[in-house]
Protein backbone atom coordinates (compact mmCIF):
# COMPACT_ATOMS: atom_id res chain seq x y z
CA MET A 1 -113.41 -47.55 -57.29
CA THR A 2 -115.97 -50.05 -55.48
CA GLU A 3 -114.91 -51.61 -52.24
CA ARG A 4 -113.99 -54.17 -53.49
CA THR A 5 -112.07 -54.16 -57.20
CA LEU A 6 -109.73 -56.99 -58.76
CA ILE A 7 -107.64 -55.81 -61.89
CA HIS A 8 -106.54 -59.54 -63.69
CA ASP A 9 -104.33 -59.84 -66.24
CA ALA A 10 -101.75 -57.47 -65.91
CA ARG A 11 -98.11 -57.24 -65.87
CA LEU A 12 -97.07 -56.30 -62.72
CA ILE A 13 -94.41 -54.40 -61.89
CA ASP A 14 -92.72 -54.18 -58.56
CA PRO A 15 -90.23 -51.99 -57.44
CA GLU A 16 -89.86 -53.48 -53.77
CA ARG A 17 -89.49 -56.67 -55.03
CA GLY A 18 -87.82 -56.19 -58.19
CA ARG A 19 -90.42 -58.46 -60.21
CA ASP A 20 -92.07 -57.64 -63.55
CA ALA A 21 -94.42 -60.73 -64.09
CA ALA A 22 -98.20 -61.60 -65.01
CA GLY A 23 -100.38 -60.97 -61.71
CA ALA A 24 -103.55 -59.12 -59.92
CA LEU A 25 -104.15 -56.77 -57.87
CA LEU A 26 -106.88 -56.85 -55.11
CA VAL A 27 -108.50 -53.41 -53.85
CA GLU A 28 -110.29 -52.83 -50.33
CA ASP A 29 -111.48 -50.35 -48.91
CA GLY A 30 -108.85 -47.67 -51.32
CA ARG A 31 -105.37 -50.47 -49.90
CA ILE A 32 -103.98 -53.11 -51.83
CA ALA A 33 -105.45 -56.48 -49.85
CA HIS A 34 -104.19 -58.83 -52.47
CA VAL A 35 -101.67 -59.19 -54.75
CA PHE A 36 -101.75 -62.52 -57.10
CA ASP A 37 -99.05 -64.32 -58.71
CA THR A 38 -101.78 -65.74 -61.88
CA PRO A 39 -103.35 -62.99 -64.25
CA ARG A 40 -106.65 -64.24 -63.53
CA PRO A 41 -106.95 -65.47 -60.00
CA ASP A 42 -109.79 -68.59 -59.19
CA ASP A 43 -113.08 -67.47 -56.49
CA VAL A 44 -112.11 -64.25 -55.95
CA THR A 45 -115.13 -62.21 -54.45
CA CYS A 46 -115.72 -58.94 -55.51
CA ASP A 47 -117.72 -55.83 -56.73
CA ALA A 48 -115.88 -55.04 -59.90
CA ARG A 49 -113.25 -56.41 -61.97
CA VAL A 50 -110.62 -54.06 -64.34
CA ASP A 51 -109.43 -55.85 -67.87
CA ALA A 52 -105.16 -55.22 -67.23
CA GLY A 53 -105.34 -56.38 -70.76
CA GLY A 54 -101.62 -57.32 -70.61
CA LYS A 55 -100.20 -53.89 -69.67
CA CYS A 56 -97.95 -52.42 -66.96
CA LEU A 57 -99.75 -51.97 -63.32
CA ALA A 58 -96.87 -50.05 -61.56
CA PRO A 59 -97.24 -48.30 -58.09
CA GLY A 60 -98.46 -45.22 -58.93
CA ILE A 61 -94.89 -42.02 -59.20
CA VAL A 62 -94.63 -40.25 -56.32
CA ASP A 63 -93.10 -37.05 -58.17
CA LEU A 64 -90.30 -34.98 -55.59
CA GLY A 65 -89.23 -31.78 -56.52
CA VAL A 66 -92.52 -30.08 -58.33
CA LYS A 67 -93.46 -26.39 -58.06
CA VAL A 68 -96.79 -25.40 -57.74
CA SER A 69 -97.38 -21.36 -58.49
CA GLU A 70 -99.71 -21.62 -55.83
CA PRO A 71 -99.58 -19.03 -53.99
CA GLY A 72 -98.34 -15.82 -56.79
CA GLU A 73 -98.92 -17.52 -60.14
CA ARG A 74 -100.89 -19.10 -60.65
CA HIS A 75 -101.77 -18.30 -64.27
CA LYS A 76 -98.74 -20.91 -64.67
CA GLU A 77 -100.32 -23.20 -62.78
CA SER A 78 -102.74 -24.68 -59.52
CA PHE A 79 -103.15 -26.87 -58.47
CA GLY A 80 -105.87 -28.08 -60.32
CA SER A 81 -103.89 -27.97 -63.85
CA ALA A 82 -101.13 -29.59 -61.80
CA GLY A 83 -103.70 -32.50 -60.09
CA LEU A 84 -104.75 -33.32 -63.57
CA ALA A 85 -102.02 -33.12 -65.04
CA ALA A 86 -100.28 -35.51 -62.90
CA ALA A 87 -103.26 -38.42 -62.74
CA ALA A 88 -102.14 -37.49 -67.06
CA GLY A 89 -98.87 -38.56 -66.01
CA GLY A 90 -99.42 -41.72 -63.94
CA VAL A 91 -98.10 -39.80 -60.93
CA THR A 92 -100.36 -39.67 -57.91
CA THR A 93 -98.51 -38.41 -55.03
CA ILE A 94 -96.31 -34.47 -55.25
CA VAL A 95 -94.72 -33.40 -53.53
CA THR A 96 -94.53 -29.47 -54.55
CA ARG A 97 -91.62 -26.92 -53.79
CA PRO A 98 -91.97 -23.61 -51.64
CA ASP A 99 -89.97 -21.78 -54.25
CA THR A 100 -93.71 -19.88 -54.88
CA ASP A 101 -94.76 -15.87 -54.14
CA PRO A 102 -94.42 -15.67 -51.31
CA ALA A 103 -92.41 -18.75 -50.35
CA ILE A 104 -93.57 -21.33 -48.34
CA ASP A 105 -91.92 -19.55 -45.20
CA THR A 106 -94.69 -19.88 -42.72
CA PRO A 107 -96.82 -22.28 -40.67
CA GLU A 108 -99.71 -19.72 -42.10
CA VAL A 109 -98.20 -20.04 -45.66
CA LEU A 110 -98.19 -24.00 -45.88
CA GLU A 111 -101.74 -24.35 -44.17
CA PHE A 112 -103.22 -22.01 -47.29
CA ALA A 113 -101.45 -24.09 -50.38
CA ALA A 114 -102.01 -27.23 -47.72
CA ARG A 115 -106.03 -27.02 -47.96
CA ARG A 116 -106.04 -25.64 -51.87
CA ALA A 117 -104.33 -27.97 -52.50
CA ASN A 118 -106.69 -30.73 -50.73
CA ALA A 119 -109.29 -28.87 -52.31
CA ASP A 120 -108.71 -28.76 -55.99
CA SER A 121 -106.13 -31.58 -56.75
CA PRO A 122 -106.99 -34.65 -57.56
CA VAL A 123 -103.99 -36.32 -56.54
CA ASN A 124 -101.77 -36.39 -53.34
CA VAL A 125 -99.97 -33.78 -52.56
CA VAL A 126 -96.84 -32.84 -50.32
CA PRO A 127 -95.59 -29.77 -49.77
CA MET A 128 -91.93 -28.56 -48.34
CA SER A 129 -91.19 -25.73 -47.15
CA ALA A 130 -88.36 -23.33 -47.54
CA LEU A 131 -85.22 -23.85 -45.39
CA THR A 132 -84.61 -20.28 -44.75
CA ARG A 133 -86.62 -16.98 -44.95
CA ASN A 134 -87.54 -16.02 -48.29
CA ARG A 135 -85.22 -17.81 -49.67
CA ALA A 136 -82.66 -15.62 -48.78
CA GLY A 137 -79.79 -17.57 -46.74
CA ARG A 138 -79.57 -15.49 -44.19
CA GLU A 139 -82.85 -16.56 -41.55
CA MET A 140 -83.75 -20.04 -40.56
CA VAL A 141 -87.16 -20.52 -41.30
CA GLU A 142 -88.85 -22.37 -37.45
CA ILE A 143 -87.83 -26.23 -39.00
CA GLY A 144 -90.46 -27.31 -35.53
CA PHE A 145 -93.45 -25.22 -36.21
CA MET A 146 -92.82 -26.13 -40.56
CA LEU A 147 -92.96 -30.00 -38.98
CA ASP A 148 -95.56 -29.69 -36.46
CA ALA A 149 -97.55 -28.17 -40.07
CA GLY A 150 -96.92 -30.79 -42.43
CA ALA A 151 -94.16 -30.68 -44.49
CA ALA A 152 -91.58 -33.64 -45.27
CA ALA A 153 -88.88 -31.02 -45.96
CA PHE A 154 -86.87 -28.24 -46.35
CA THR A 155 -85.35 -26.20 -49.28
CA ASP A 156 -84.36 -23.52 -49.91
CA CYS A 157 -84.80 -24.89 -53.80
CA ASP A 158 -82.46 -23.09 -57.01
CA ARG A 159 -81.18 -20.51 -54.17
CA VAL A 160 -77.86 -21.77 -52.89
CA ILE A 161 -77.35 -21.36 -49.62
CA ALA A 162 -74.02 -19.11 -49.95
CA ASP A 163 -73.30 -18.81 -46.17
CA THR A 164 -71.70 -22.12 -44.65
CA LYS A 165 -72.37 -20.92 -41.49
CA VAL A 166 -75.76 -20.80 -42.18
CA MET A 167 -76.15 -23.59 -43.55
CA GLN A 168 -74.28 -25.31 -40.65
CA ARG A 169 -77.02 -24.29 -38.14
CA CYS A 170 -79.81 -25.54 -40.61
CA LEU A 171 -78.04 -28.42 -40.70
CA THR A 172 -77.27 -28.79 -37.15
CA TYR A 173 -81.07 -27.85 -35.67
CA ALA A 174 -82.83 -30.10 -38.53
CA ARG A 175 -80.64 -32.98 -37.56
CA GLY A 176 -81.97 -32.33 -33.76
CA LEU A 177 -85.44 -32.87 -35.23
CA GLY A 178 -85.32 -35.19 -37.48
CA ALA A 179 -86.22 -32.89 -40.06
CA LEU A 180 -84.43 -34.18 -43.85
CA VAL A 181 -82.67 -31.42 -46.35
CA LEU A 182 -83.14 -31.36 -49.90
CA ALA A 183 -80.12 -28.79 -51.47
CA HIS A 184 -79.18 -28.08 -54.29
CA PRO A 185 -74.91 -29.00 -54.83
CA GLN A 186 -73.96 -26.52 -57.03
CA ASP A 187 -71.06 -23.59 -56.56
CA PRO A 188 -73.28 -20.18 -56.01
CA GLY A 189 -70.30 -18.02 -57.92
CA LEU A 190 -68.94 -19.63 -60.15
CA SER A 191 -72.81 -20.74 -61.50
CA ALA A 192 -74.99 -17.48 -61.88
CA GLY A 193 -75.42 -16.08 -64.77
CA ALA A 194 -74.80 -19.14 -66.51
CA SER A 195 -77.81 -20.63 -68.72
CA ALA A 196 -75.08 -24.04 -70.78
CA THR A 197 -72.46 -26.25 -69.54
CA SER A 198 -69.76 -25.37 -70.68
CA GLY A 199 -67.53 -26.82 -73.75
CA LYS A 200 -67.08 -26.53 -76.86
CA PHE A 201 -70.04 -25.99 -78.06
CA ALA A 202 -71.63 -23.47 -75.38
CA ALA A 203 -67.65 -21.10 -76.75
CA LEU A 204 -69.50 -21.75 -80.26
CA ARG A 205 -72.72 -20.53 -79.23
CA GLY A 206 -71.69 -17.66 -76.89
CA LEU A 207 -73.53 -19.01 -74.58
CA PRO A 208 -72.77 -18.20 -70.84
CA ALA A 209 -71.47 -21.10 -69.57
CA VAL A 210 -70.65 -23.02 -66.16
CA THR A 211 -67.99 -26.00 -65.00
CA PRO A 212 -69.76 -29.23 -63.75
CA MET A 213 -67.22 -29.09 -61.26
CA ALA A 214 -69.19 -26.41 -59.83
CA GLU A 215 -72.06 -29.28 -58.91
CA ARG A 216 -69.53 -31.39 -57.67
CA MET A 217 -68.03 -28.06 -55.28
CA GLY A 218 -71.45 -27.41 -54.14
CA PHE A 219 -71.58 -30.79 -53.05
CA ASP A 220 -68.19 -31.34 -51.43
CA ARG A 221 -69.26 -28.12 -49.36
CA ASP A 222 -72.41 -29.54 -48.35
CA MET A 223 -70.79 -33.28 -47.84
CA ALA A 224 -68.41 -31.76 -44.86
CA LEU A 225 -71.49 -29.92 -43.14
CA VAL A 226 -73.24 -33.45 -43.40
CA GLU A 227 -70.01 -35.16 -41.62
CA MET A 228 -70.10 -32.32 -39.06
CA THR A 229 -74.02 -32.21 -38.75
CA GLY A 230 -74.86 -35.66 -39.54
CA ALA A 231 -78.32 -34.08 -40.79
CA ARG A 232 -80.06 -35.99 -43.34
CA TYR A 233 -79.87 -34.68 -46.32
CA HIS A 234 -81.20 -34.93 -50.40
CA ALA A 235 -79.28 -33.33 -53.41
CA ASP A 236 -81.92 -31.97 -55.60
CA GLN A 237 -80.19 -33.57 -59.12
CA VAL A 238 -76.67 -34.89 -58.91
CA THR A 239 -75.84 -34.19 -63.18
CA SER A 240 -72.77 -35.11 -63.21
CA ALA A 241 -70.04 -37.38 -63.63
CA ARG A 242 -67.67 -36.19 -61.13
CA THR A 243 -70.43 -35.62 -58.29
CA LEU A 244 -70.68 -39.42 -58.84
CA PRO A 245 -67.80 -40.38 -56.85
CA PRO A 246 -68.20 -37.75 -53.61
CA LEU A 247 -71.34 -39.45 -53.67
CA GLU A 248 -70.16 -42.90 -53.86
CA ARG A 249 -68.22 -42.35 -50.66
CA ALA A 250 -70.57 -41.01 -48.50
CA LYS A 251 -72.73 -43.05 -48.59
CA GLN A 252 -70.18 -45.21 -48.41
CA ASN A 253 -69.00 -43.20 -45.23
CA GLY A 254 -72.79 -43.89 -43.45
CA PHE A 255 -74.33 -40.80 -44.04
CA ASP A 256 -77.49 -40.16 -44.70
CA VAL A 257 -77.59 -38.84 -47.78
CA THR A 258 -79.66 -39.95 -50.65
CA ALA A 259 -79.14 -37.74 -54.17
CA GLY A 260 -81.97 -37.29 -57.15
CA VAL A 261 -82.13 -36.88 -60.82
CA SER A 262 -83.92 -35.48 -63.66
CA ILE A 263 -85.38 -36.69 -66.73
CA HIS A 264 -84.25 -34.27 -68.61
CA HIS A 265 -81.40 -34.59 -67.36
CA LEU A 266 -81.15 -38.43 -68.06
CA THR A 267 -82.64 -38.48 -71.84
CA LEU A 268 -80.96 -34.90 -73.17
CA ASN A 269 -77.98 -33.35 -73.64
CA GLU A 270 -76.24 -29.98 -74.41
CA LEU A 271 -76.71 -30.46 -78.21
CA ASP A 272 -80.62 -30.02 -77.69
CA VAL A 273 -80.39 -26.82 -77.41
CA GLY A 274 -79.65 -26.83 -80.59
CA ASP A 275 -80.44 -23.35 -82.21
CA TYR A 276 -81.28 -21.23 -78.05
CA ARG A 277 -84.42 -23.77 -77.86
CA THR A 278 -85.13 -22.00 -75.27
CA PHE A 279 -87.57 -25.03 -74.52
CA PHE A 280 -84.59 -26.78 -73.63
CA LYS A 281 -83.07 -24.10 -70.82
CA VAL A 282 -83.50 -26.07 -67.12
CA LYS A 283 -81.28 -25.46 -63.70
CA PRO A 284 -78.25 -27.27 -63.57
CA PRO A 285 -78.10 -26.82 -67.35
CA LEU A 286 -77.68 -29.79 -69.99
CA ARG A 287 -74.62 -31.83 -69.53
CA SER A 288 -72.69 -33.47 -72.29
CA GLU A 289 -73.03 -36.74 -73.36
CA ASP A 290 -70.87 -38.00 -71.24
CA ASP A 291 -72.23 -37.27 -68.23
CA ARG A 292 -75.64 -38.08 -69.52
CA ARG A 293 -74.45 -42.43 -69.74
CA ALA A 294 -72.55 -42.29 -66.50
CA VAL A 295 -75.68 -40.34 -64.51
CA VAL A 296 -77.98 -43.81 -66.58
CA GLU A 297 -75.59 -45.74 -65.36
CA ALA A 298 -75.99 -44.34 -61.02
CA VAL A 299 -79.00 -45.09 -61.85
CA ALA A 300 -79.13 -48.00 -62.93
CA SER A 301 -76.67 -49.52 -60.01
CA GLY A 302 -78.88 -47.51 -57.42
CA LEU A 303 -76.37 -44.66 -56.23
CA ILE A 304 -78.66 -41.94 -57.39
CA ASP A 305 -81.73 -43.02 -55.48
CA VAL A 306 -84.64 -40.44 -56.76
CA ILE A 307 -85.42 -40.03 -60.45
CA SER A 308 -88.10 -36.82 -60.48
CA SER A 309 -89.96 -34.24 -63.09
CA MET A 310 -88.69 -31.14 -61.47
CA HIS A 311 -91.60 -29.63 -62.86
CA THR A 312 -91.11 -26.12 -63.49
CA PRO A 313 -93.96 -24.10 -65.26
CA GLN A 314 -93.30 -21.15 -67.48
CA ASP A 315 -94.80 -18.41 -68.69
CA GLU A 316 -94.79 -18.00 -73.25
CA GLU A 317 -93.61 -14.33 -72.08
CA SER A 318 -90.60 -15.70 -69.71
CA LYS A 319 -89.49 -18.28 -72.47
CA ARG A 320 -89.79 -16.21 -75.88
CA LEU A 321 -86.92 -14.68 -74.66
CA PRO A 322 -83.10 -14.97 -76.30
CA PHE A 323 -81.76 -17.92 -74.39
CA GLU A 324 -79.44 -15.95 -71.81
CA GLU A 325 -82.81 -14.16 -70.58
CA ALA A 326 -84.80 -16.39 -70.70
CA ALA A 327 -86.26 -18.48 -67.76
CA SER A 328 -85.11 -21.69 -66.88
CA GLY A 329 -87.50 -24.67 -66.16
CA ALA A 330 -89.79 -27.79 -68.14
CA VAL A 331 -92.99 -29.30 -66.79
CA ALA A 332 -92.60 -32.96 -66.83
CA LEU A 333 -95.60 -34.28 -65.48
CA GLU A 334 -97.19 -35.40 -68.00
CA THR A 335 -94.09 -36.45 -69.98
CA LEU A 336 -92.04 -38.12 -66.72
CA LEU A 337 -93.63 -41.22 -68.15
CA PRO A 338 -93.12 -41.73 -71.51
CA ALA A 339 -89.48 -40.05 -70.74
CA ALA A 340 -88.54 -42.64 -68.73
CA MET A 341 -89.69 -45.45 -71.05
CA ARG A 342 -87.20 -44.19 -73.40
CA LEU A 343 -84.85 -45.32 -71.19
CA TYR A 344 -85.86 -48.08 -71.23
CA HIS A 345 -86.69 -48.93 -74.49
CA ALA A 346 -82.88 -48.37 -74.77
CA GLY A 347 -81.78 -51.15 -72.07
CA ASP A 348 -80.14 -48.45 -70.01
CA LEU A 349 -82.80 -49.42 -67.04
CA ASP A 350 -86.05 -52.43 -66.94
CA LEU A 351 -89.05 -51.27 -65.27
CA PRO A 352 -88.56 -52.71 -62.24
CA THR A 353 -85.66 -50.15 -61.55
CA LEU A 354 -87.61 -47.35 -62.81
CA TRP A 355 -90.04 -46.99 -60.35
CA ARG A 356 -88.01 -48.81 -57.82
CA ALA A 357 -86.33 -44.27 -58.41
CA MET A 358 -89.74 -42.69 -59.64
CA ALA A 359 -92.35 -44.40 -57.11
CA LEU A 360 -90.61 -46.49 -53.74
CA ASN A 361 -86.62 -44.30 -53.25
CA PRO A 362 -88.56 -41.36 -53.06
CA ALA A 363 -92.06 -42.69 -50.92
CA ARG A 364 -88.78 -44.08 -48.41
CA ARG A 365 -86.92 -41.25 -47.70
CA LEU A 366 -89.65 -38.83 -47.25
CA GLY A 367 -92.49 -41.60 -45.05
CA LEU A 368 -94.52 -41.87 -47.67
CA PRO A 369 -96.47 -45.14 -47.32
CA GLY A 370 -96.26 -45.93 -51.40
CA GLY A 371 -94.69 -46.84 -54.02
CA ARG A 372 -95.04 -50.68 -53.38
CA LEU A 373 -97.62 -52.39 -55.21
CA GLY A 374 -97.33 -54.74 -51.47
CA ALA A 375 -100.71 -55.62 -49.57
CA GLY A 376 -101.99 -52.99 -47.02
CA ALA A 377 -100.01 -50.45 -49.43
CA PRO A 378 -102.42 -47.77 -50.39
CA ALA A 379 -104.18 -48.12 -54.12
CA ASP A 380 -102.71 -45.94 -55.68
CA LEU A 381 -101.71 -47.13 -58.85
CA VAL A 382 -100.69 -45.80 -63.02
CA LEU A 383 -102.04 -48.84 -65.47
CA PHE A 384 -100.08 -47.65 -68.89
CA ASP A 385 -98.52 -49.54 -71.69
CA PRO A 386 -95.02 -48.84 -72.20
CA ASP A 387 -94.99 -49.57 -76.31
CA ALA A 388 -97.13 -46.94 -77.37
CA PRO A 389 -95.99 -44.35 -79.53
CA PHE A 390 -97.54 -41.04 -79.73
CA VAL A 391 -95.87 -36.81 -81.21
CA LEU A 392 -96.41 -35.27 -78.20
CA ASP A 393 -98.43 -31.93 -79.32
CA ARG A 394 -97.50 -29.14 -76.18
CA PHE A 395 -101.28 -28.07 -76.54
CA THR A 396 -102.03 -31.17 -75.47
CA LEU A 397 -100.75 -30.76 -72.20
CA ARG A 398 -103.15 -30.16 -68.90
CA SER A 399 -100.45 -27.88 -66.85
CA LYS A 400 -101.64 -24.17 -67.52
CA SER A 401 -97.82 -24.04 -68.88
CA LYS A 402 -96.68 -25.47 -71.80
CA ASN A 403 -92.64 -25.01 -72.06
CA THR A 404 -91.38 -28.50 -72.68
CA PRO A 405 -88.81 -29.73 -74.74
CA PHE A 406 -90.44 -32.58 -75.81
CA ASP A 407 -92.55 -30.62 -78.11
CA GLY A 408 -93.49 -32.79 -81.79
CA GLN A 409 -91.32 -35.59 -80.57
CA ARG A 410 -91.98 -39.05 -80.87
CA MET A 411 -92.51 -40.95 -77.72
CA GLU A 412 -93.34 -44.05 -76.54
CA GLY A 413 -95.75 -44.95 -73.34
CA ARG A 414 -99.33 -43.79 -72.19
CA VAL A 415 -100.78 -43.97 -69.23
CA LEU A 416 -104.11 -45.76 -69.87
CA GLY A 417 -105.68 -45.18 -65.91
CA THR A 418 -104.50 -44.39 -62.53
CA TRP A 419 -105.86 -44.65 -59.42
CA VAL A 420 -105.74 -42.67 -55.86
CA ASN A 421 -106.82 -44.60 -52.91
CA GLY A 422 -108.12 -46.94 -54.42
CA ARG A 423 -110.00 -43.86 -57.17
CA ARG A 424 -109.42 -43.89 -60.47
CA VAL A 425 -108.48 -40.20 -61.28
CA PHE A 426 -108.00 -40.24 -64.38
CA GLY A 427 -108.48 -43.37 -67.68
């Protein structure tokens, strides 16, 4: 954008005020200078105008938990390809996971990743650090040094720290430095080797399965440790109805606890696996429809705070295998917004509630300035048409890997423009 740009005739989606109404936005020097409650404000001096055509203008999505495969597996995803995919999907900030090869567990590796991101990605990149060396669950990383190097949070991703004493020490040390710890609530013994959720469907398909109680048991352990240490804690994925009551109790008890869920667990269920379709193999495995409905309701009530893509690129060789052997994960940077529109069109969640979970809450949890439309906020914006229909072709995705469960599906919601710090990076 030029120095002063007016985006007018927009449908403003403001998650901070819970507002969905016509308005306009003035952007100056990369920040939001003023928000107008009228679609065509008079007497506004500007260098350029963008006609939104009545489409939705919202804060750019802040995607918590994106895997970019640098260093180590650049053929799956690079910062350049992930940044292009994010911009096309209305994601203006990607919070990257440390499950790379090698893991991001030293200041040197983190600084390397940050340099590559700044050089190659058109969107903001905020790196997270591993919580233990090589994500092995034995030796804590230098949390203080990693914070100084720019780590936004600490996580071993889907490798659960099985040793409770190690986890307790990590949380205690993180509490002393005010660091946020992300954990994957699962009982590692029960979930080892599982590729489906236990029940009739998994039994009929002969798939090794795990009970949803494994998530509840892992979460209960972590809540006991949070009560013991007072640490800041975020559960990366809460996907089961059985985990919701202890999550609610933890919040009522005043613990500094938040929870997230992936867009796949909100819009798909265990039956979508069908005849062993490995693009639907994610971690944790897709749940029952009852669980899916319960988690959607938890997002609507605010009990679950964050919706993320859990973008996990995998190459064809790792997916074109028998279901039990295939790698878990799906790409989702470009499909997060249209998949979320399924929840909107079904009447489950309105747009301000969706953007509260996809932009405002993750930004607040990480202490980032984005995720809102208020004056002074960064001009990280997405303009989209929630009703535009299309059929997804995975080969048109900008990600290097094409492992999406939505291939060939009819979807609604198309991104028309994305701005990062006032500069248009897509559309």
